[in-house]
Amino acid sequence: MRNGTGYVVVRAAEIVWFEGADNHVRIHSRTQSYLLRTTLSELERTLDPRLFLRIHRSVIISIDEVRTIDNWGHGEHLFVLHDGTRLTSSRRYRAAVRAAFGV
């Protein structure tokens, strides 16, 4: 991704989660965050589904970064990532969460 004077390469293994907002995606890595001009849906099409999972209309997580998953009822789950980030899934992505984690 472009950083003003050049490009920054962020390895997939360094990415913790993605946060969508309109036509931008904030990439949260282990060390910092980056803003990318694209939609979360466009980005999702380019990601390896074995490594990343969409859990909410505005959130994609790295599967390897999940520390715990708690059932919040009604098909929703609370994900706690290794860095302490807490994210909630929505019922719309319940089947994908079950398939990936068996919960």
C-alpha atoms as a PDB file:
ATOM      1  CA  MET A   1       0.000   0.000   0.000  1.00  0.00           C
ATOM      2  CA  ARG A   2       1.129   3.527  -0.673  1.00  0.00           C
ATOM      3  CA  ASN A   3       2.580   5.558   2.215  1.00  0.00           C
ATOM      4  CA  GLY A   4       3.112   8.950   0.558  1.00  0.00           C
ATOM      5  CA  THR A   5       6.556   8.574  -0.987  1.00  0.00           C
ATOM      6  CA  GLY A   6       6.505   4.860  -1.740  1.00  0.00           C
ATOM      7  CA  TYR A   7       4.829   1.637  -0.747  1.00  0.00           C
ATOM      8  CA  VAL A   8       4.604  -0.391   2.440  1.00  0.00           C
ATOM      9  CA  VAL A   9       4.445  -4.171   2.215  1.00  0.00           C
ATOM     10  CA  VAL A  10       2.475  -5.785   5.010  1.00  0.00           C
ATOM     11  CA  ARG A  11       2.817  -9.572   5.174  1.00  0.00           C
ATOM     12  CA  ALA A  12      -0.369 -11.559   5.768  1.00  0.00           C
ATOM     13  CA  ALA A  13       1.226 -13.127   8.860  1.00  0.00           C
ATOM     14  CA  GLU A  14       1.533  -9.643  10.422  1.00  0.00           C
ATOM     15  CA  ILE A  15      -2.141  -8.731   9.962  1.00  0.00           C
ATOM     16  CA  VAL A  16      -4.389  -9.090  13.012  1.00  0.00           C
ATOM     17  CA  TRP A  17      -7.675  -7.760  11.605  1.00  0.00           C
ATOM     18  CA  PHE A  18      -9.321  -5.460   9.072  1.00  0.00           C
ATOM     19  CA  GLU A  19     -11.884  -2.773   9.861  1.00  0.00           C
ATOM     20  CA  GLY A  20     -14.089  -1.405   7.101  1.00  0.00           C
ATOM     21  CA  ALA A  21     -15.533   2.092   6.952  1.00  0.00           C
ATOM     22  CA  ASP A  22     -17.232   3.224   3.746  1.00  0.00           C
ATOM     23  CA  ASN A  23     -14.618   3.163   0.958  1.00  0.00           C
ATOM     24  CA  HIS A  24     -11.656   2.581   3.257  1.00  0.00           C
ATOM     25  CA  VAL A  25     -10.211  -0.309   5.203  1.00  0.00           C
ATOM     26  CA  ARG A  26      -8.036   0.079   8.274  1.00  0.00           C
ATOM     27  CA  ILE A  27      -5.480  -2.720   8.420  1.00  0.00           C
ATOM     28  CA  HIS A  28      -4.474  -3.518  11.995  1.00  0.00           C
ATOM     29  CA  SER A  29      -1.082  -5.226  12.058  1.00  0.00           C
ATOM     30  CA  ARG A  30       0.909  -6.352  15.078  1.00  0.00           C
ATOM     31  CA  THR A  31       2.877  -3.104  15.147  1.00  0.00           C
ATOM     32  CA  GLN A  32       0.690  -0.377  13.620  1.00  0.00           C
ATOM     33  CA  SER A  33      -2.325   0.328  11.450  1.00  0.00           C
ATOM     34  CA  TYR A  34      -2.652   1.448   7.840  1.00  0.00           C
ATOM     35  CA  LEU A  35      -5.484   2.990   5.849  1.00  0.00           C
ATOM     36  CA  LEU A  36      -6.241   1.514   2.445  1.00  0.00           C
ATOM     37  CA  ARG A  37      -8.663   2.993  -0.073  1.00  0.00           C
ATOM     38  CA  THR A  38     -10.874   0.032  -0.946  1.00  0.00           C
ATOM     39  CA  THR A  39     -14.015  -1.564   0.413  1.00  0.00           C
ATOM     40  CA  LEU A  40     -14.009  -4.508   2.777  1.00  0.00           C
ATOM     41  CA  SER A  41     -15.910  -6.567   0.193  1.00  0.00           C
ATOM     42  CA  GLU A  42     -13.295  -5.867  -2.490  1.00  0.00           C
ATOM     43  CA  LEU A  43     -10.500  -6.747  -0.085  1.00  0.00           C
ATOM     44  CA  GLU A  44     -12.263  -9.924   1.073  1.00  0.00           C
ATOM     45  CA  ARG A  45     -12.254 -11.278  -2.501  1.00  0.00           C
ATOM     46  CA  THR A  46      -8.449 -11.106  -2.556  1.00  0.00           C
ATOM     47  CA  LEU A  47      -7.831 -12.772   0.828  1.00  0.00           C
ATOM     48  CA  ASP A  48      -7.106 -16.450   1.427  1.00  0.00           C
ATOM     49  CA  PRO A  49     -10.211 -17.849   3.211  1.00  0.00           C
ATOM     50  CA  ARG A  50      -7.966 -20.319   5.071  1.00  0.00           C
ATOM     51  CA  LEU A  51      -6.255 -17.369   6.768  1.00  0.00           C
ATOM     52  CA  PHE A  52      -8.967 -14.710   7.117  1.00  0.00           C
ATOM     53  CA  LEU A  53     -12.627 -14.809   8.113  1.00  0.00           C
ATOM     54  CA  ARG A  54     -15.316 -12.165   7.866  1.00  0.00           C
ATOM     55  CA  ILE A  55     -17.261 -12.100  11.132  1.00  0.00           C
ATOM     56  CA  HIS A  56     -19.191  -8.840  10.725  1.00  0.00           C
ATOM     57  CA  ARG A  57     -20.101  -6.477   7.900  1.00  0.00           C
ATOM     58  CA  SER A  58     -17.224  -4.245   8.990  1.00  0.00           C
ATOM     59  CA  VAL A  59     -14.692  -6.794  10.339  1.00  0.00           C
ATOM     60  CA  ILE A  60     -12.406  -9.478   8.918  1.00  0.00           C
ATOM     61  CA  ILE A  61     -10.089 -11.294  11.332  1.00  0.00           C
ATOM     62  CA  SER A  62      -6.949 -13.351  10.965  1.00  0.00           C
ATOM     63  CA  ILE A  63      -7.955 -16.856  12.047  1.00  0.00           C
ATOM     64  CA  ASP A  64      -4.522 -17.452  13.606  1.00  0.00           C
ATOM     65  CA  GLU A  65      -4.892 -14.379  15.822  1.00  0.00           C
ATOM     66  CA  VAL A  66      -7.975 -15.688  17.678  1.00  0.00           C
ATOM     67  CA  ARG A  67      -7.278 -16.434  21.350  1.00  0.00           C
ATOM     68  CA  THR A  68     -10.828 -17.154  22.587  1.00  0.00           C
ATOM     69  CA  ILE A  69     -14.401 -17.227  21.303  1.00  0.00           C
ATOM     70  CA  ASP A  70     -17.331 -16.748  23.672  1.00  0.00           C
ATOM     71  CA  ASN A  71     -20.944 -17.426  22.716  1.00  0.00           C
ATOM     72  CA  TRP A  72     -23.061 -14.305  23.143  1.00  0.00           C
ATOM     73  CA  GLY A  73     -26.304 -16.028  22.158  1.00  0.00           C
ATOM     74  CA  HIS A  74     -28.562 -15.554  19.155  1.00  0.00           C
ATOM     75  CA  GLY A  75     -25.741 -16.643  16.816  1.00  0.00           C
ATOM     76  CA  GLU A  76     -23.336 -13.923  17.928  1.00  0.00           C
ATOM     77  CA  HIS A  77     -19.846 -14.476  19.355  1.00  0.00           C
ATOM     78  CA  LEU A  78     -17.214 -12.408  21.131  1.00  0.00           C
ATOM     79  CA  PHE A  79     -13.739 -12.911  19.669  1.00  0.00           C
ATOM     80  CA  VAL A  80     -10.707 -11.996  21.754  1.00  0.00           C
ATOM     81  CA  LEU A  81      -7.540 -11.750  19.684  1.00  0.00           C
ATOM     82  CA  HIS A  82      -3.989 -12.384  20.928  1.00  0.00           C
ATOM     83  CA  ASP A  83      -3.337  -8.633  21.179  1.00  0.00           C
ATOM     84  CA  GLY A  84      -6.400  -8.209  23.432  1.00  0.00           C
ATOM     85  CA  THR A  85      -8.701  -6.746  20.772  1.00  0.00           C
ATOM     86  CA  ARG A  86     -12.333  -7.728  21.397  1.00  0.00           C
ATOM     87  CA  LEU A  87     -14.609  -8.024  18.351  1.00  0.00           C
ATOM     88  CA  THR A  88     -18.193  -9.209  18.018  1.00  0.00           C
ATOM     89  CA  SER A  89     -19.515 -11.323  15.183  1.00  0.00           C
ATOM     90  CA  SER A  90     -22.997 -10.853  13.800  1.00  0.00           C
ATOM     91  CA  ARG A  91     -25.690 -13.443  13.093  1.00  0.00           C
ATOM     92  CA  ARG A  92     -25.264 -12.906   9.364  1.00  0.00           C
ATOM     93  CA  TYR A  93     -21.827 -14.584   9.538  1.00  0.00           C
ATOM     94  CA  ARG A  94     -22.874 -17.335  11.976  1.00  0.00           C
ATOM     95  CA  ALA A  95     -22.465 -20.155   9.395  1.00  0.00           C
ATOM     96  CA  ALA A  96     -18.966 -19.008   8.421  1.00  0.00           C
ATOM     97  CA  VAL A  97     -17.908 -18.804  12.087  1.00  0.00           C
ATOM     98  CA  ARG A  98     -19.273 -22.305  12.740  1.00  0.00           C
ATOM     99  CA  ALA A  99     -17.510 -23.717   9.687  1.00  0.00           C
ATOM    100  CA  ALA A 100     -14.174 -22.154  10.636  1.00  0.00           C
ATOM    101  CA  PHE A 101     -14.230 -22.802  14.385  1.00  0.00           C
ATOM    102  CA  GLY A 102     -16.920 -25.422  14.988  1.00  0.00           C
ATOM    103  CA  VAL A 103     -18.748 -23.241  17.531  1.00  0.00           C
END
